[in-house]
N, C-alpha and C. Protein backbone atom coordinates (compact mmCIF):
# COMPACT_ATOMS: atom_id res chain seq x y z
N MET A 1 -14.20 30.51 22.52
CA MET A 1 -13.13 29.71 21.99
C MET A 1 -13.70 28.42 21.40
N ALA A 2 -13.30 28.11 20.19
CA ALA A 2 -13.81 26.91 19.51
C ALA A 2 -12.99 25.69 19.92
N ASP A 3 -13.68 24.56 20.03
CA ASP A 3 -13.00 23.32 20.39
C ASP A 3 -12.52 22.53 19.16
N HIS A 4 -12.91 22.96 17.96
CA HIS A 4 -12.56 22.18 16.79
C HIS A 4 -11.23 22.63 16.20
N ASP A 5 -10.60 21.73 15.48
CA ASP A 5 -9.31 21.97 14.86
C ASP A 5 -9.52 22.06 13.36
N ASP A 6 -9.06 23.15 12.75
CA ASP A 6 -9.25 23.34 11.31
C ASP A 6 -8.15 22.69 10.47
N THR A 7 -7.24 21.97 11.10
CA THR A 7 -6.17 21.31 10.37
C THR A 7 -6.78 20.20 9.51
N PRO A 8 -6.44 20.18 8.21
CA PRO A 8 -6.98 19.11 7.36
C PRO A 8 -6.52 17.74 7.86
N GLN A 9 -7.43 16.80 7.86
CA GLN A 9 -7.10 15.45 8.29
C GLN A 9 -6.51 14.67 7.11
N PRO A 10 -5.53 13.81 7.38
CA PRO A 10 -4.95 13.02 6.28
C PRO A 10 -6.00 12.10 5.67
N VAL A 11 -5.88 11.86 4.38
CA VAL A 11 -6.81 10.99 3.68
C VAL A 11 -6.30 9.56 3.75
N ASP A 12 -7.16 8.65 4.10
CA ASP A 12 -6.81 7.23 4.13
C ASP A 12 -6.72 6.74 2.68
N PRO A 13 -5.54 6.28 2.23
CA PRO A 13 -5.41 5.85 0.84
C PRO A 13 -6.28 4.66 0.47
N LEU A 14 -6.77 3.93 1.47
CA LEU A 14 -7.67 2.81 1.16
C LEU A 14 -9.04 3.30 0.73
N THR A 15 -9.30 4.60 0.86
CA THR A 15 -10.58 5.15 0.44
C THR A 15 -10.46 5.87 -0.90
N VAL A 16 -9.26 5.86 -1.50
CA VAL A 16 -9.02 6.55 -2.77
C VAL A 16 -8.92 5.54 -3.89
N GLY A 17 -9.85 5.59 -4.83
CA GLY A 17 -9.82 4.66 -5.97
C GLY A 17 -10.42 3.32 -5.60
N GLU A 18 -10.31 2.42 -6.56
CA GLU A 18 -10.92 1.10 -6.36
C GLU A 18 -9.95 0.16 -5.66
N LEU A 19 -10.52 -0.81 -4.97
CA LEU A 19 -9.70 -1.83 -4.31
C LEU A 19 -9.13 -2.77 -5.37
N ILE A 20 -7.87 -3.14 -5.18
CA ILE A 20 -7.22 -4.09 -6.08
C ILE A 20 -6.60 -5.19 -5.23
N THR A 21 -6.42 -6.35 -5.84
CA THR A 21 -5.79 -7.47 -5.14
C THR A 21 -4.29 -7.19 -5.00
N LEU A 22 -3.65 -7.93 -4.12
CA LEU A 22 -2.21 -7.76 -3.98
C LEU A 22 -1.48 -8.19 -5.25
N GLN A 23 -2.06 -9.14 -5.99
CA GLN A 23 -1.45 -9.53 -7.27
C GLN A 23 -1.48 -8.34 -8.24
N GLN A 24 -2.62 -7.66 -8.32
CA GLN A 24 -2.71 -6.48 -9.18
C GLN A 24 -1.77 -5.38 -8.70
N ALA A 25 -1.67 -5.22 -7.39
CA ALA A 25 -0.76 -4.21 -6.83
C ALA A 25 0.69 -4.55 -7.17
N ALA A 26 1.02 -5.84 -7.11
CA ALA A 26 2.39 -6.28 -7.45
C ALA A 26 2.70 -5.96 -8.90
N GLU A 27 1.76 -6.22 -9.79
CA GLU A 27 1.96 -5.91 -11.20
C GLU A 27 2.09 -4.40 -11.41
N TYR A 28 1.39 -3.63 -10.62
CA TYR A 28 1.40 -2.17 -10.72
C TYR A 28 2.75 -1.58 -10.28
N CYS A 29 3.31 -2.10 -9.18
CA CYS A 29 4.49 -1.44 -8.60
C CYS A 29 5.81 -2.17 -8.82
N GLY A 30 5.77 -3.41 -9.29
CA GLY A 30 7.02 -4.11 -9.56
C GLY A 30 7.60 -4.87 -8.38
N LEU A 31 6.85 -4.98 -7.30
CA LEU A 31 7.27 -5.84 -6.20
C LEU A 31 6.54 -7.16 -6.34
N THR A 32 6.98 -8.17 -5.59
CA THR A 32 6.30 -9.45 -5.68
C THR A 32 5.04 -9.44 -4.81
N LYS A 33 4.12 -10.31 -5.15
CA LYS A 33 2.89 -10.45 -4.38
C LYS A 33 3.23 -10.87 -2.95
N ASP A 34 4.18 -11.78 -2.80
CA ASP A 34 4.56 -12.24 -1.46
C ASP A 34 5.12 -11.09 -0.62
N THR A 35 5.90 -10.22 -1.23
CA THR A 35 6.44 -9.06 -0.52
C THR A 35 5.31 -8.17 -0.04
N LEU A 36 4.36 -7.86 -0.93
CA LEU A 36 3.24 -7.01 -0.55
C LEU A 36 2.39 -7.67 0.53
N HIS A 37 2.21 -8.98 0.44
CA HIS A 37 1.44 -9.70 1.46
C HIS A 37 2.12 -9.57 2.82
N ASN A 38 3.42 -9.74 2.84
CA ASN A 38 4.19 -9.59 4.07
C ASN A 38 4.07 -8.16 4.61
N TYR A 39 4.21 -7.18 3.74
CA TYR A 39 4.09 -5.78 4.15
C TYR A 39 2.69 -5.48 4.68
N ALA A 40 1.67 -6.03 4.05
CA ALA A 40 0.29 -5.80 4.49
C ALA A 40 0.08 -6.38 5.89
N LYS A 41 0.55 -7.61 6.10
CA LYS A 41 0.38 -8.24 7.41
C LYS A 41 1.12 -7.48 8.50
N ARG A 42 2.25 -6.87 8.15
CA ARG A 42 3.05 -6.13 9.14
C ARG A 42 2.65 -4.66 9.23
N GLY A 43 1.69 -4.25 8.41
CA GLY A 43 1.22 -2.87 8.48
C GLY A 43 2.11 -1.86 7.77
N ARG A 44 3.03 -2.33 6.95
CA ARG A 44 3.93 -1.42 6.25
C ARG A 44 3.24 -0.77 5.05
N ILE A 45 2.28 -1.47 4.48
CA ILE A 45 1.49 -0.91 3.39
C ILE A 45 0.02 -0.99 3.82
N LYS A 46 -0.74 0.02 3.51
CA LYS A 46 -2.14 0.02 3.92
C LYS A 46 -2.92 -0.95 3.04
N ALA A 47 -3.52 -1.92 3.69
CA ALA A 47 -4.30 -2.96 3.00
C ALA A 47 -5.28 -3.51 4.03
N LYS A 48 -6.27 -4.22 3.53
CA LYS A 48 -7.21 -4.87 4.44
C LYS A 48 -7.58 -6.22 3.87
N LYS A 49 -7.98 -7.09 4.77
CA LYS A 49 -8.35 -8.45 4.39
C LYS A 49 -9.86 -8.50 4.25
N ILE A 50 -10.31 -8.98 3.10
CA ILE A 50 -11.73 -9.20 2.86
C ILE A 50 -11.88 -10.70 2.57
N GLY A 51 -12.49 -11.39 3.51
CA GLY A 51 -12.58 -12.84 3.37
C GLY A 51 -11.18 -13.43 3.42
N LEU A 52 -10.81 -14.15 2.38
CA LEU A 52 -9.49 -14.78 2.32
C LEU A 52 -8.45 -13.91 1.64
N TYR A 53 -8.86 -12.77 1.08
CA TYR A 53 -7.98 -11.99 0.23
C TYR A 53 -7.60 -10.64 0.82
N TRP A 54 -6.35 -10.27 0.64
CA TRP A 54 -5.88 -8.95 0.99
C TRP A 54 -6.10 -8.03 -0.21
N VAL A 55 -6.57 -6.83 0.06
CA VAL A 55 -6.77 -5.83 -0.99
C VAL A 55 -6.15 -4.51 -0.55
N THR A 56 -5.85 -3.68 -1.53
CA THR A 56 -5.28 -2.37 -1.29
C THR A 56 -5.74 -1.47 -2.41
N THR A 57 -5.15 -0.31 -2.54
CA THR A 57 -5.45 0.59 -3.65
C THR A 57 -4.13 1.06 -4.25
N LYS A 58 -4.20 1.58 -5.46
CA LYS A 58 -3.00 2.15 -6.08
C LYS A 58 -2.50 3.32 -5.24
N ALA A 59 -3.42 4.08 -4.64
CA ALA A 59 -3.01 5.21 -3.79
C ALA A 59 -2.19 4.73 -2.60
N ALA A 60 -2.59 3.61 -2.00
CA ALA A 60 -1.84 3.06 -0.87
C ALA A 60 -0.47 2.56 -1.31
N VAL A 61 -0.41 1.93 -2.48
CA VAL A 61 0.87 1.47 -3.03
C VAL A 61 1.76 2.68 -3.32
N ASP A 62 1.20 3.70 -3.95
CA ASP A 62 1.97 4.90 -4.26
C ASP A 62 2.51 5.54 -2.99
N GLU A 63 1.67 5.59 -1.94
CA GLU A 63 2.11 6.17 -0.67
C GLU A 63 3.29 5.39 -0.11
N TYR A 64 3.22 4.07 -0.15
CA TYR A 64 4.32 3.25 0.36
C TYR A 64 5.59 3.46 -0.48
N ILE A 65 5.45 3.38 -1.79
CA ILE A 65 6.60 3.51 -2.66
C ILE A 65 7.25 4.89 -2.51
N SER A 66 6.44 5.93 -2.39
CA SER A 66 7.01 7.27 -2.26
C SER A 66 7.70 7.45 -0.91
N SER A 67 7.37 6.62 0.07
CA SER A 67 8.02 6.72 1.37
C SER A 67 9.35 5.96 1.40
N ARG A 68 9.62 5.21 0.35
CA ARG A 68 10.83 4.38 0.26
C ARG A 68 11.60 4.70 -1.00
N ASP A 69 12.88 4.52 -0.94
CA ASP A 69 13.71 4.54 -2.13
C ASP A 69 13.64 3.11 -2.68
N ILE A 70 13.10 2.94 -3.87
CA ILE A 70 12.90 1.59 -4.42
C ILE A 70 14.21 0.80 -4.43
N GLU A 71 15.32 1.49 -4.57
CA GLU A 71 16.62 0.79 -4.56
C GLU A 71 16.96 0.24 -3.18
N SER A 72 16.31 0.76 -2.12
CA SER A 72 16.59 0.25 -0.78
C SER A 72 15.82 -1.03 -0.49
N ILE A 73 14.88 -1.37 -1.35
CA ILE A 73 14.15 -2.63 -1.21
C ILE A 73 14.99 -3.72 -1.86
N PRO A 74 15.36 -4.75 -1.12
CA PRO A 74 16.23 -5.79 -1.69
C PRO A 74 15.69 -6.32 -3.02
N LYS A 75 16.62 -6.58 -3.94
CA LYS A 75 16.23 -7.04 -5.28
C LYS A 75 15.45 -8.34 -5.24
N ASN A 76 15.72 -9.20 -4.26
CA ASN A 76 14.99 -10.47 -4.19
C ASN A 76 13.54 -10.27 -3.79
N LEU A 77 13.16 -9.09 -3.31
CA LEU A 77 11.78 -8.81 -2.97
C LEU A 77 11.05 -8.11 -4.10
N ARG A 78 11.81 -7.71 -5.12
CA ARG A 78 11.20 -7.06 -6.29
C ARG A 78 10.95 -8.11 -7.36
N LYS A 79 10.05 -7.79 -8.27
CA LYS A 79 9.78 -8.70 -9.38
C LYS A 79 10.97 -8.73 -10.32
N LEU A 80 11.22 -9.85 -10.86
CA LEU A 80 12.26 -9.96 -11.88
C LEU A 80 11.70 -9.43 -13.18
N THR A 81 12.46 -8.60 -13.88
CA THR A 81 11.98 -8.06 -15.16
C THR A 81 12.81 -8.60 -16.30
């Protein structure tokens, strides 16, 4: 009997693509930088702090956005267009 599990392990979105700043992520997804910063600190979006700056990836942003209905995010937390 084998002890290993052949179930594919989930991919960490922070390892997919290049790291981007929260400002770049905000421009990418239409939320504010402050909202993403708050989400990163609370663990709602996958991000990590390097020195003084929080970074994430587009894959991590996409994962968060796809887990939410964008309309359920209050308008004051989204960027004004």
